[in-house]
Amino acid sequence: MLDGSDGGPDRRTLLKGLGASAIGGLGYAALDRYTNISMPHQRYGERYVTPHNDVVQDYVEDIEAITDDAVVFTDEPSFEYERDFARTGRPDDWSLPETYLTEKVGDCEDHSFAFCSILRAAGYDADVIAGESSVVSKLKDGDPYLFHTMTVFETENGEHKYMDVAEPLRVYDTPIDGFRPRTKLTDGEIEF
C-alpha cells in the first residue's frame, strides 16, 4: 500500500521530486497507471550489468551447473529480499551486482542485474526485463500492481528461461504468474 503503513513510502514521498532527477536519480518514462511510479527508460540498466567485475567472476567460477530448474553453485549462496526503502530510505535505489552479491540482500532489480551479469559472464545471452507484477505486489504490500524486474536468458538450444528474486537460484520456463513485461532495461540480444 502506498500510505506508509507498511514502513514503505507513501504516495507523497514517491512523487516528491519526480521530474528530471526522478526517483532514486533514474530517468523515467511512461507513468504507471496504478502506483504513479514510472518505468525506467529502456536500456538505462545496461550500466548495472558488470560481467567483468571480480565479484561476479568469482560467482561464475563457483557455478557447478545451470540446469532447467536452477543455477547450482558449489557453495550455494543465500540471498535475502529487502525493499529499497527499508534498506536505503529511498523508494528505488538500484545496487551494482557486486554490492548485491557481497551483501546478499536487495530487491528485484538488484537480483536481476546481478544474475544478468553472472549469466553473461558465463557465456549466455541475458537481459533484464521490467514490467508490472500483480502476484509479487500482493505478497509485498497489497497494491494491485508494482514495477518488477526479472532476468531472462537464452539456453544453448535457444529456449528462454527466467529468474526471479522470489526464489533467487530457481530457473523458470516462463515469467512468473502475474508478471507483464513492458520493456527491457538492458541492451542484450534477447527478444521477448
N, C-alpha and C. Protein backbone atom coordinates (compact mmCIF):
# COMPACT_ATOMS: atom_id res chain seq x y z
N MET A 1 0.85 -1.17 0.00
CA MET A 1 0.00 0.00 0.00
C MET A 1 0.89 1.23 0.00
N LEU A 2 0.42 2.27 -0.60
CA LEU A 2 1.23 3.48 -0.68
C LEU A 2 0.76 4.52 0.32
N ASP A 3 0.43 4.08 1.53
CA ASP A 3 0.02 5.01 2.57
C ASP A 3 1.05 5.09 3.69
N GLY A 4 2.17 4.38 3.55
CA GLY A 4 3.23 4.39 4.55
C GLY A 4 3.00 3.44 5.71
N SER A 5 1.85 2.74 5.75
CA SER A 5 1.53 1.89 6.89
C SER A 5 2.41 0.64 6.97
N ASP A 6 3.04 0.25 5.86
CA ASP A 6 3.88 -0.94 5.87
C ASP A 6 5.36 -0.62 6.08
N GLY A 7 5.66 0.60 6.44
CA GLY A 7 7.05 1.01 6.62
C GLY A 7 7.69 1.52 5.35
N GLY A 8 6.99 1.38 4.22
CA GLY A 8 7.48 1.89 2.95
C GLY A 8 7.01 3.32 2.74
N PRO A 9 7.33 3.87 1.60
CA PRO A 9 6.97 5.27 1.33
C PRO A 9 5.48 5.43 1.08
N ASP A 10 4.97 6.61 1.37
CA ASP A 10 3.60 6.90 0.98
C ASP A 10 3.63 7.55 -0.40
N ARG A 11 2.47 7.71 -1.01
CA ARG A 11 2.38 8.24 -2.37
C ARG A 11 3.07 9.60 -2.48
N ARG A 12 2.93 10.45 -1.45
CA ARG A 12 3.54 11.79 -1.48
C ARG A 12 5.06 11.68 -1.54
N THR A 13 5.63 10.76 -0.73
CA THR A 13 7.08 10.57 -0.74
C THR A 13 7.55 10.11 -2.11
N LEU A 14 6.79 9.18 -2.71
CA LEU A 14 7.17 8.67 -4.02
C LEU A 14 7.14 9.74 -5.09
N LEU A 15 6.16 10.62 -5.02
CA LEU A 15 6.00 11.62 -6.06
C LEU A 15 6.88 12.85 -5.85
N LYS A 16 7.33 13.05 -4.60
CA LYS A 16 8.17 14.21 -4.30
C LYS A 16 9.46 14.12 -5.11
N GLY A 17 9.74 15.15 -5.84
CA GLY A 17 10.98 15.18 -6.59
C GLY A 17 10.90 14.56 -7.97
N LEU A 18 9.73 14.01 -8.37
CA LEU A 18 9.64 13.48 -9.73
C LEU A 18 9.90 14.59 -10.72
N GLY A 19 10.55 14.30 -11.75
CA GLY A 19 10.91 15.29 -12.75
C GLY A 19 12.20 14.87 -13.39
N ALA A 20 13.12 15.80 -13.58
CA ALA A 20 14.37 15.49 -14.27
C ALA A 20 15.18 14.45 -13.52
N SER A 21 15.21 14.54 -12.18
CA SER A 21 16.02 13.57 -11.44
C SER A 21 15.25 12.30 -11.13
N ALA A 22 13.94 12.37 -10.99
CA ALA A 22 13.06 11.23 -10.73
C ALA A 22 13.48 10.44 -9.49
N ILE A 23 12.82 9.32 -9.28
CA ILE A 23 13.04 8.50 -8.09
C ILE A 23 14.43 7.88 -8.14
N GLY A 24 15.18 8.04 -7.07
CA GLY A 24 16.48 7.41 -6.98
C GLY A 24 17.48 7.90 -8.01
N GLY A 25 17.21 9.03 -8.66
CA GLY A 25 18.14 9.56 -9.64
C GLY A 25 18.03 8.92 -11.01
N LEU A 26 17.03 8.07 -11.25
CA LEU A 26 16.89 7.39 -12.53
C LEU A 26 16.06 8.21 -13.50
N GLY A 27 16.33 8.10 -14.78
CA GLY A 27 15.48 8.72 -15.78
C GLY A 27 14.27 7.83 -15.99
N TYR A 28 13.08 8.38 -16.02
CA TYR A 28 11.87 7.58 -16.14
C TYR A 28 10.99 8.01 -17.30
N ALA A 29 10.22 7.08 -17.79
CA ALA A 29 9.24 7.34 -18.84
C ALA A 29 7.96 6.60 -18.48
N ALA A 30 6.87 6.88 -19.17
CA ALA A 30 5.61 6.12 -19.07
C ALA A 30 5.11 5.94 -17.64
N LEU A 31 4.36 6.88 -17.14
CA LEU A 31 3.83 6.82 -15.79
C LEU A 31 2.96 5.58 -15.60
N ASP A 32 3.23 4.81 -14.56
CA ASP A 32 2.47 3.61 -14.25
C ASP A 32 1.08 4.01 -13.75
N ARG A 33 0.05 3.43 -14.32
CA ARG A 33 -1.31 3.86 -14.01
C ARG A 33 -1.79 3.44 -12.64
N TYR A 34 -1.14 2.52 -11.99
CA TYR A 34 -1.62 2.04 -10.70
C TYR A 34 -0.93 2.71 -9.51
N THR A 35 0.35 2.90 -9.60
CA THR A 35 1.10 3.35 -8.43
C THR A 35 1.69 4.74 -8.57
N ASN A 36 1.59 5.32 -9.73
CA ASN A 36 2.24 6.59 -10.04
C ASN A 36 3.75 6.48 -9.98
N ILE A 37 4.27 5.27 -10.03
CA ILE A 37 5.72 5.07 -10.17
C ILE A 37 5.95 4.86 -11.66
N SER A 38 6.87 5.57 -12.23
CA SER A 38 7.08 5.46 -13.67
C SER A 38 8.14 4.43 -14.00
N MET A 39 8.10 3.95 -15.23
CA MET A 39 9.03 2.92 -15.69
C MET A 39 10.35 3.56 -16.11
N PRO A 40 11.48 2.95 -15.80
CA PRO A 40 12.77 3.50 -16.24
C PRO A 40 12.86 3.49 -17.76
N HIS A 41 13.63 4.44 -18.31
CA HIS A 41 13.87 4.45 -19.74
C HIS A 41 14.50 3.14 -20.15
N GLN A 42 14.06 2.64 -21.29
CA GLN A 42 14.61 1.40 -21.81
C GLN A 42 16.12 1.52 -21.96
N ARG A 43 16.81 0.49 -21.57
CA ARG A 43 18.25 0.35 -21.71
C ARG A 43 19.08 1.15 -20.70
N TYR A 44 18.44 1.88 -19.80
CA TYR A 44 19.19 2.59 -18.77
C TYR A 44 20.01 1.62 -17.93
N GLY A 45 19.47 0.45 -17.72
CA GLY A 45 20.09 -0.51 -16.81
C GLY A 45 21.36 -1.15 -17.30
N GLU A 46 21.73 -0.96 -18.55
CA GLU A 46 22.94 -1.61 -19.06
C GLU A 46 24.16 -1.25 -18.22
N ARG A 47 24.19 -0.05 -17.66
CA ARG A 47 25.35 0.34 -16.84
C ARG A 47 25.40 -0.43 -15.52
N TYR A 48 24.32 -1.18 -15.19
CA TYR A 48 24.30 -2.00 -13.99
C TYR A 48 24.64 -3.46 -14.28
N VAL A 49 25.01 -3.77 -15.50
CA VAL A 49 25.42 -5.12 -15.87
C VAL A 49 26.94 -5.11 -15.94
N THR A 50 27.56 -5.90 -15.05
CA THR A 50 29.02 -5.86 -14.90
C THR A 50 29.63 -7.27 -14.94
N PRO A 51 29.60 -7.93 -16.10
CA PRO A 51 30.10 -9.30 -16.16
C PRO A 51 31.60 -9.45 -15.92
N HIS A 52 32.36 -8.37 -16.05
CA HIS A 52 33.81 -8.45 -15.87
C HIS A 52 34.26 -8.11 -14.44
N ASN A 53 33.32 -7.77 -13.58
CA ASN A 53 33.65 -7.45 -12.20
C ASN A 53 34.21 -8.68 -11.48
N ASP A 54 35.18 -8.48 -10.59
CA ASP A 54 35.82 -9.59 -9.89
C ASP A 54 34.84 -10.41 -9.04
N VAL A 55 33.91 -9.76 -8.37
CA VAL A 55 32.93 -10.48 -7.53
C VAL A 55 32.04 -11.34 -8.42
N VAL A 56 31.58 -10.78 -9.53
CA VAL A 56 30.75 -11.53 -10.49
C VAL A 56 31.54 -12.72 -11.03
N GLN A 57 32.80 -12.49 -11.38
CA GLN A 57 33.64 -13.57 -11.89
C GLN A 57 33.82 -14.69 -10.86
N ASP A 58 33.92 -14.32 -9.58
CA ASP A 58 34.03 -15.33 -8.51
C ASP A 58 32.78 -16.21 -8.48
N TYR A 59 31.60 -15.61 -8.67
CA TYR A 59 30.37 -16.38 -8.70
C TYR A 59 30.33 -17.31 -9.91
N VAL A 60 30.81 -16.82 -11.05
CA VAL A 60 30.82 -17.65 -12.26
C VAL A 60 31.72 -18.86 -12.06
N GLU A 61 32.87 -18.65 -11.44
CA GLU A 61 33.79 -19.75 -11.18
C GLU A 61 33.19 -20.78 -10.23
N ASP A 62 32.23 -20.36 -9.40
CA ASP A 62 31.60 -21.26 -8.43
C ASP A 62 30.36 -21.97 -8.99
N ILE A 63 29.99 -21.69 -10.24
CA ILE A 63 28.83 -22.37 -10.83
C ILE A 63 29.18 -23.83 -11.09
N GLU A 64 28.36 -24.69 -10.56
CA GLU A 64 28.52 -26.12 -10.80
C GLU A 64 27.75 -26.53 -12.06
N ALA A 65 26.54 -25.95 -12.22
CA ALA A 65 25.71 -26.26 -13.39
C ALA A 65 24.60 -25.23 -13.50
N ILE A 66 24.12 -25.06 -14.73
CA ILE A 66 22.88 -24.31 -14.97
C ILE A 66 21.93 -25.31 -15.60
N THR A 67 20.94 -25.71 -14.82
CA THR A 67 20.01 -26.75 -15.26
C THR A 67 18.70 -26.11 -15.72
N ASP A 68 17.75 -26.94 -16.08
CA ASP A 68 16.42 -26.44 -16.45
C ASP A 68 15.68 -25.87 -15.26
N ASP A 69 16.15 -26.18 -14.05
CA ASP A 69 15.44 -25.75 -12.83
C ASP A 69 16.18 -24.76 -11.96
N ALA A 70 17.51 -24.65 -12.10
CA ALA A 70 18.25 -23.82 -11.15
C ALA A 70 19.66 -23.51 -11.65
N VAL A 71 20.22 -22.45 -11.07
CA VAL A 71 21.65 -22.19 -11.17
C VAL A 71 22.24 -22.80 -9.91
N VAL A 72 23.10 -23.78 -10.11
CA VAL A 72 23.66 -24.55 -8.99
C VAL A 72 25.10 -24.10 -8.76
N PHE A 73 25.37 -23.68 -7.53
CA PHE A 73 26.71 -23.25 -7.15
C PHE A 73 27.34 -24.30 -6.26
N THR A 74 28.67 -24.40 -6.29
CA THR A 74 29.38 -25.32 -5.41
C THR A 74 29.10 -24.97 -3.96
N ASP A 75 29.25 -23.69 -3.61
CA ASP A 75 28.88 -23.20 -2.28
C ASP A 75 27.63 -22.34 -2.46
N GLU A 76 26.45 -22.96 -2.25
CA GLU A 76 25.19 -22.28 -2.55
C GLU A 76 24.99 -21.01 -1.71
N PRO A 77 24.90 -19.86 -2.38
CA PRO A 77 24.67 -18.61 -1.64
C PRO A 77 23.21 -18.49 -1.20
N SER A 78 22.98 -17.69 -0.21
CA SER A 78 21.63 -17.42 0.28
C SER A 78 21.40 -15.92 0.20
N PHE A 79 20.32 -15.52 -0.47
CA PHE A 79 20.01 -14.11 -0.65
C PHE A 79 18.74 -13.75 0.10
N GLU A 80 18.71 -12.54 0.66
CA GLU A 80 17.56 -12.05 1.42
C GLU A 80 16.89 -10.91 0.67
N TYR A 81 15.56 -10.94 0.61
CA TYR A 81 14.82 -9.86 -0.03
C TYR A 81 14.62 -8.71 0.97
N GLU A 82 14.93 -7.50 0.52
CA GLU A 82 14.65 -6.31 1.33
C GLU A 82 14.35 -5.15 0.39
N ARG A 83 13.23 -4.47 0.63
CA ARG A 83 12.84 -3.33 -0.18
C ARG A 83 13.88 -2.21 -0.06
N ASP A 84 14.03 -1.46 -1.15
CA ASP A 84 14.98 -0.36 -1.16
C ASP A 84 14.70 0.64 -0.05
N PHE A 85 13.42 0.96 0.16
CA PHE A 85 13.09 1.98 1.15
C PHE A 85 13.54 1.57 2.55
N ALA A 86 13.39 0.29 2.88
CA ALA A 86 13.82 -0.20 4.19
C ALA A 86 15.35 -0.18 4.31
N ARG A 87 16.03 -0.42 3.20
CA ARG A 87 17.49 -0.52 3.22
C ARG A 87 18.17 0.83 3.10
N THR A 88 17.65 1.72 2.24
CA THR A 88 18.36 2.96 1.95
C THR A 88 17.55 4.22 2.26
N GLY A 89 16.25 4.05 2.54
CA GLY A 89 15.41 5.21 2.80
C GLY A 89 14.92 5.89 1.53
N ARG A 90 15.24 5.30 0.37
CA ARG A 90 14.78 5.84 -0.91
C ARG A 90 13.87 4.82 -1.57
N PRO A 91 12.85 5.28 -2.30
CA PRO A 91 11.89 4.35 -2.89
C PRO A 91 12.49 3.39 -3.92
N ASP A 92 13.47 3.82 -4.67
CA ASP A 92 14.06 2.96 -5.68
C ASP A 92 15.54 3.29 -5.78
N ASP A 93 16.38 2.36 -5.39
CA ASP A 93 17.81 2.58 -5.33
C ASP A 93 18.52 1.32 -5.82
N TRP A 94 18.90 1.30 -7.09
CA TRP A 94 19.50 0.11 -7.67
C TRP A 94 20.93 -0.08 -7.17
N SER A 95 21.27 -1.33 -6.86
CA SER A 95 22.63 -1.68 -6.45
C SER A 95 23.38 -2.31 -7.60
N LEU A 96 24.68 -2.07 -7.65
CA LEU A 96 25.51 -2.77 -8.61
C LEU A 96 25.59 -4.25 -8.22
N PRO A 97 25.79 -5.14 -9.18
CA PRO A 97 25.86 -6.56 -8.86
C PRO A 97 26.84 -6.92 -7.75
N GLU A 98 28.02 -6.29 -7.74
CA GLU A 98 28.99 -6.64 -6.70
C GLU A 98 28.48 -6.32 -5.30
N THR A 99 27.67 -5.28 -5.17
CA THR A 99 27.10 -4.94 -3.87
C THR A 99 26.08 -5.99 -3.45
N TYR A 100 25.16 -6.33 -4.36
CA TYR A 100 24.15 -7.35 -4.06
C TYR A 100 24.80 -8.70 -3.76
N LEU A 101 25.78 -9.09 -4.55
CA LEU A 101 26.41 -10.40 -4.38
C LEU A 101 27.28 -10.47 -3.12
N THR A 102 27.80 -9.35 -2.68
CA THR A 102 28.61 -9.31 -1.47
C THR A 102 27.74 -9.24 -0.21
N GLU A 103 26.76 -8.32 -0.23
CA GLU A 103 25.88 -8.15 0.94
C GLU A 103 24.78 -9.20 0.99
N LYS A 104 24.44 -9.79 -0.16
CA LYS A 104 23.42 -10.83 -0.30
C LYS A 104 22.05 -10.37 0.18
N VAL A 105 21.74 -9.09 -0.06
CA VAL A 105 20.44 -8.53 0.29
C VAL A 105 20.07 -7.48 -0.75
N GLY A 106 18.78 -7.45 -1.12
CA GLY A 106 18.31 -6.48 -2.10
C GLY A 106 16.93 -6.85 -2.59
N ASP A 107 16.51 -6.15 -3.65
CA ASP A 107 15.18 -6.40 -4.20
C ASP A 107 15.30 -6.91 -5.64
N CYS A 108 14.19 -6.84 -6.39
CA CYS A 108 14.15 -7.49 -7.70
C CYS A 108 15.17 -6.93 -8.69
N GLU A 109 15.37 -5.60 -8.71
CA GLU A 109 16.34 -5.05 -9.66
C GLU A 109 17.75 -5.51 -9.31
N ASP A 110 18.07 -5.49 -8.03
CA ASP A 110 19.41 -5.91 -7.60
C ASP A 110 19.69 -7.35 -8.03
N HIS A 111 18.73 -8.24 -7.79
CA HIS A 111 18.85 -9.65 -8.19
C HIS A 111 18.96 -9.77 -9.70
N SER A 112 18.10 -9.06 -10.42
CA SER A 112 18.07 -9.18 -11.88
C SER A 112 19.39 -8.74 -12.51
N PHE A 113 19.93 -7.60 -12.09
CA PHE A 113 21.19 -7.13 -12.66
C PHE A 113 22.35 -8.04 -12.27
N ALA A 114 22.34 -8.56 -11.05
CA ALA A 114 23.41 -9.47 -10.62
C ALA A 114 23.40 -10.75 -11.45
N PHE A 115 22.22 -11.36 -11.61
CA PHE A 115 22.19 -12.62 -12.33
C PHE A 115 22.30 -12.42 -13.84
N CYS A 116 21.90 -11.28 -14.37
CA CYS A 116 22.18 -10.97 -15.77
C CYS A 116 23.70 -10.90 -15.97
N SER A 117 24.39 -10.26 -15.03
CA SER A 117 25.85 -10.15 -15.10
C SER A 117 26.51 -11.53 -15.02
N ILE A 118 26.06 -12.35 -14.08
CA ILE A 118 26.63 -13.70 -13.92
C ILE A 118 26.41 -14.53 -15.18
N LEU A 119 25.19 -14.50 -15.70
CA LEU A 119 24.87 -15.31 -16.89
C LEU A 119 25.66 -14.84 -18.11
N ARG A 120 25.79 -13.53 -18.28
CA ARG A 120 26.60 -13.04 -19.41
C ARG A 120 28.06 -13.45 -19.25
N ALA A 121 28.57 -13.35 -18.03
CA ALA A 121 29.96 -13.74 -17.79
C ALA A 121 30.17 -15.24 -18.04
N ALA A 122 29.10 -16.02 -17.85
CA ALA A 122 29.17 -17.47 -18.09
C ALA A 122 28.93 -17.82 -19.56
N GLY A 123 28.70 -16.80 -20.42
CA GLY A 123 28.58 -17.03 -21.85
C GLY A 123 27.16 -17.07 -22.39
N TYR A 124 26.17 -16.75 -21.59
CA TYR A 124 24.78 -16.75 -22.04
C TYR A 124 24.35 -15.36 -22.49
N ASP A 125 23.43 -15.30 -23.46
CA ASP A 125 22.74 -14.05 -23.76
C ASP A 125 21.74 -13.85 -22.64
N ALA A 126 21.77 -12.68 -22.00
CA ALA A 126 20.87 -12.42 -20.87
C ALA A 126 20.47 -10.95 -20.87
N ASP A 127 19.28 -10.69 -20.36
CA ASP A 127 18.75 -9.33 -20.25
C ASP A 127 17.94 -9.20 -18.98
N VAL A 128 17.69 -7.95 -18.61
CA VAL A 128 16.77 -7.63 -17.51
C VAL A 128 15.51 -7.07 -18.15
N ILE A 129 14.37 -7.66 -17.82
CA ILE A 129 13.09 -7.18 -18.32
C ILE A 129 12.30 -6.58 -17.17
N ALA A 130 11.53 -5.54 -17.48
CA ALA A 130 10.76 -4.83 -16.46
C ALA A 130 9.30 -4.79 -16.86
N GLY A 131 8.44 -4.76 -15.87
CA GLY A 131 7.01 -4.68 -16.11
C GLY A 131 6.24 -4.57 -14.83
N GLU A 132 4.99 -4.97 -14.90
CA GLU A 132 4.12 -4.93 -13.73
C GLU A 132 3.90 -6.34 -13.23
N SER A 133 3.78 -6.50 -11.93
CA SER A 133 3.51 -7.80 -11.35
C SER A 133 2.42 -7.71 -10.31
N SER A 134 1.34 -8.41 -10.55
CA SER A 134 0.26 -8.42 -9.56
C SER A 134 0.57 -9.38 -8.43
N VAL A 135 1.20 -10.51 -8.71
CA VAL A 135 1.48 -11.51 -7.69
C VAL A 135 2.50 -11.00 -6.68
N VAL A 136 3.63 -10.50 -7.18
CA VAL A 136 4.68 -10.01 -6.29
C VAL A 136 4.19 -8.86 -5.44
N SER A 137 3.44 -7.95 -6.03
CA SER A 137 3.00 -6.78 -5.26
C SER A 137 2.02 -7.18 -4.16
N LYS A 138 1.17 -8.18 -4.43
CA LYS A 138 0.25 -8.63 -3.39
C LYS A 138 1.02 -9.25 -2.22
N LEU A 139 2.09 -9.96 -2.55
CA LEU A 139 2.91 -10.54 -1.49
C LEU A 139 3.62 -9.46 -0.69
N LYS A 140 4.08 -8.41 -1.37
CA LYS A 140 4.89 -7.39 -0.69
C LYS A 140 4.06 -6.38 0.08
N ASP A 141 3.04 -5.82 -0.57
CA ASP A 141 2.33 -4.76 0.16
C ASP A 141 0.91 -4.51 -0.29
N GLY A 142 0.30 -5.46 -0.99
CA GLY A 142 -1.11 -5.39 -1.26
C GLY A 142 -1.55 -4.52 -2.42
N ASP A 143 -0.66 -3.75 -3.03
CA ASP A 143 -1.06 -2.94 -4.19
C ASP A 143 -1.39 -3.87 -5.36
N PRO A 144 -2.31 -3.46 -6.23
CA PRO A 144 -2.69 -4.34 -7.33
C PRO A 144 -1.55 -4.63 -8.31
N TYR A 145 -0.69 -3.65 -8.59
CA TYR A 145 0.43 -3.84 -9.50
C TYR A 145 1.61 -2.99 -9.05
N LEU A 146 2.80 -3.55 -9.18
CA LEU A 146 4.02 -2.81 -8.89
C LEU A 146 5.05 -3.08 -9.97
N PHE A 147 5.95 -2.15 -10.13
CA PHE A 147 7.11 -2.31 -11.00
C PHE A 147 7.90 -3.53 -10.52
N HIS A 148 8.30 -4.38 -11.46
CA HIS A 148 9.04 -5.58 -11.11
C HIS A 148 10.01 -5.91 -12.24
N THR A 149 11.11 -6.55 -11.91
CA THR A 149 12.06 -7.00 -12.92
C THR A 149 12.34 -8.48 -12.76
N MET A 150 12.74 -9.09 -13.87
CA MET A 150 13.20 -10.47 -13.89
C MET A 150 14.41 -10.54 -14.83
N THR A 151 15.20 -11.58 -14.69
CA THR A 151 16.28 -11.86 -15.63
C THR A 151 15.76 -12.87 -16.63
N VAL A 152 16.04 -12.65 -17.91
CA VAL A 152 15.72 -13.62 -18.96
C VAL A 152 17.04 -13.99 -19.64
N PHE A 153 17.22 -15.28 -19.92
CA PHE A 153 18.42 -15.70 -20.64
C PHE A 153 18.07 -16.80 -21.63
N GLU A 154 18.97 -16.97 -22.59
CA GLU A 154 18.74 -17.95 -23.64
C GLU A 154 19.67 -19.14 -23.43
N THR A 155 19.11 -20.33 -23.44
CA THR A 155 19.90 -21.55 -23.26
C THR A 155 20.63 -21.89 -24.57
N GLU A 156 21.50 -22.88 -24.51
CA GLU A 156 22.25 -23.30 -25.69
C GLU A 156 21.33 -23.76 -26.82
N ASN A 157 20.14 -24.29 -26.48
CA ASN A 157 19.22 -24.75 -27.52
C ASN A 157 18.19 -23.68 -27.90
N GLY A 158 18.41 -22.43 -27.50
CA GLY A 158 17.57 -21.32 -27.93
C GLY A 158 16.33 -21.05 -27.10
N GLU A 159 16.13 -21.79 -26.01
CA GLU A 159 14.96 -21.55 -25.16
C GLU A 159 15.20 -20.35 -24.24
N HIS A 160 14.14 -19.61 -23.97
CA HIS A 160 14.22 -18.53 -23.00
C HIS A 160 13.88 -19.08 -21.62
N LYS A 161 14.71 -18.73 -20.65
CA LYS A 161 14.50 -19.10 -19.24
C LYS A 161 14.49 -17.82 -18.42
N TYR A 162 13.89 -17.87 -17.23
CA TYR A 162 13.69 -16.68 -16.42
C TYR A 162 14.15 -16.93 -14.99
N MET A 163 14.61 -15.85 -14.33
CA MET A 163 14.98 -15.92 -12.91
C MET A 163 14.29 -14.77 -12.19
N ASP A 164 13.91 -15.02 -10.93
CA ASP A 164 13.17 -14.03 -10.14
C ASP A 164 13.69 -14.01 -8.71
N VAL A 165 13.61 -12.85 -8.08
CA VAL A 165 14.09 -12.67 -6.71
C VAL A 165 13.32 -13.52 -5.70
N ALA A 166 12.09 -13.92 -6.01
CA ALA A 166 11.29 -14.70 -5.07
C ALA A 166 11.98 -16.02 -4.70
N GLU A 167 12.61 -16.66 -5.67
CA GLU A 167 13.43 -17.85 -5.45
C GLU A 167 14.72 -17.62 -6.23
N PRO A 168 15.70 -16.99 -5.58
CA PRO A 168 16.86 -16.42 -6.27
C PRO A 168 17.66 -17.35 -7.18
N LEU A 169 17.70 -18.64 -6.92
CA LEU A 169 18.52 -19.53 -7.73
C LEU A 169 17.69 -20.39 -8.68
N ARG A 170 16.36 -20.27 -8.59
CA ARG A 170 15.47 -21.08 -9.42
C ARG A 170 15.41 -20.53 -10.84
N VAL A 171 15.29 -21.44 -11.82
CA VAL A 171 15.12 -21.09 -13.22
C VAL A 171 13.70 -21.49 -13.62
N TYR A 172 12.99 -20.55 -14.25
CA TYR A 172 11.61 -20.77 -14.68
C TYR A 172 11.54 -20.90 -16.20
N ASP A 173 10.55 -21.66 -16.69
CA ASP A 173 10.32 -21.77 -18.13
C ASP A 173 9.60 -20.56 -18.69
N THR A 174 8.81 -19.89 -17.86
CA THR A 174 8.04 -18.71 -18.27
C THR A 174 8.18 -17.65 -17.18
N PRO A 175 7.84 -16.39 -17.49
CA PRO A 175 7.83 -15.39 -16.41
C PRO A 175 6.86 -15.82 -15.32
N ILE A 176 7.07 -15.37 -14.10
CA ILE A 176 6.18 -15.73 -13.00
C ILE A 176 4.76 -15.30 -13.32
N ASP A 177 3.77 -16.03 -12.78
CA ASP A 177 2.36 -15.67 -12.99
C ASP A 177 2.12 -14.25 -12.52
N GLY A 178 1.35 -13.52 -13.29
CA GLY A 178 1.01 -12.15 -12.91
C GLY A 178 2.02 -11.10 -13.36
N PHE A 179 3.13 -11.53 -13.97
CA PHE A 179 4.14 -10.57 -14.44
C PHE A 179 3.86 -10.24 -15.89
N ARG A 180 3.76 -8.94 -16.18
CA ARG A 180 3.54 -8.47 -17.54
C ARG A 180 4.72 -7.63 -17.98
N PRO A 181 5.66 -8.22 -18.74
CA PRO A 181 6.83 -7.45 -19.20
C PRO A 181 6.40 -6.29 -20.08
N ARG A 182 7.04 -5.13 -19.87
CA ARG A 182 6.76 -3.95 -20.69
C ARG A 182 7.98 -3.45 -21.45
N THR A 183 9.18 -3.73 -20.94
CA THR A 183 10.38 -3.23 -21.61
C THR A 183 11.61 -4.01 -21.14
N LYS A 184 12.69 -3.88 -21.92
CA LYS A 184 14.00 -4.39 -21.50
C LYS A 184 14.76 -3.23 -20.89
N LEU A 185 15.50 -3.50 -19.85
CA LEU A 185 16.33 -2.47 -19.24
C LEU A 185 17.79 -2.55 -19.69
N THR A 186 18.10 -3.54 -20.51
CA THR A 186 19.46 -3.77 -20.92
C THR A 186 19.53 -3.94 -22.44
N ASP A 187 20.75 -3.92 -22.97
CA ASP A 187 20.97 -3.94 -24.42
C ASP A 187 21.35 -5.31 -24.98
N GLY A 188 21.02 -6.38 -24.31
CA GLY A 188 21.38 -7.71 -24.79
C GLY A 188 20.60 -8.11 -26.03
N GLU A 189 20.84 -9.33 -26.47
CA GLU A 189 20.28 -9.84 -27.73
C GLU A 189 18.90 -10.48 -27.59
N ILE A 190 18.40 -10.64 -26.38
CA ILE A 190 17.13 -11.36 -26.16
C ILE A 190 15.97 -10.54 -26.72
N GLU A 191 15.10 -11.22 -27.47
CA GLU A 191 13.84 -10.62 -27.92
C GLU A 191 12.73 -11.34 -27.18
N PHE A 192 11.81 -10.58 -26.60
CA PHE A 192 10.70 -11.22 -25.89
C PHE A 192 9.40 -10.64 -26.32
